[in-house]
Amino acid sequence: MRTRDANKEIVIKQKAIEMIVSQGFDGLSMHKLAKASGVSVATIYIYFKDRESLLQQLYKEESIKLADATLINFDPESHFDEGLKVQWLNRMNYCMENQISMTFMEQFKHSPMVDRSVMERRFIDAMSKFVHTAIAREELIPLPVEIYWSIAFGPLYQLVKFHISKTSMPGRPPFVFDDEKINLTLSLVIKALKP
């Protein structure tokens, strides 16, 4: 039996994410991945049972990285304005520093392959406590989670995408998500969510 090499596994994962981002899920075959990673197809199967298990593992690992980044200096009992700002800045910084990962997560999140059970319990518990505490303090209006998330984070992720892709609305110069625009957008989001 062949031994595992952590460096090869890292390269395989990185190349898989890059291929998915550049060519979509259909562009990822084990043969193409092996060639891009500089390993044999058999080597990939030492680390991953099949293509689907590779994809699920990638999504799980990238989700954990984003969750960990989001929770840096975050207190679920903080006041709503403060806690949302910490989350915004953490999420934004992670996405800006990990653009390929962010694009991969976005693609995977909207695919039928996504396994929603992979979210880390610590992250879910912290977010739930934060929202319920803010509602109890009357700092946040009670909303279905999908509406809350869309208002709280939808603008952030869309503006990050504009910034990363150096685009904007048609006929406009490339969007730059600077401190002034971050603060303006966050203040509008908080205003929309307050009672």
Foldseek 3Di string as FASTA:
>chain_A
DDDDDVVLVVLLLVLQLVQCLVPNPVSDDLCVSCVSSVHHSVNVCVPAVHPLRSLQVSLLVLLVVLLVQQCVVAALLDALLVNLLSNLVSNLVVCVVCVSSVSSNVRQVPDPSDDVVSHDPVSVVSPVSSVVNNVVVQQFPDDPPVVLCCLSPVVSVVLSVQQVVQHDPPPDGRRHCDPVNVVVSSVVSSVVGGD
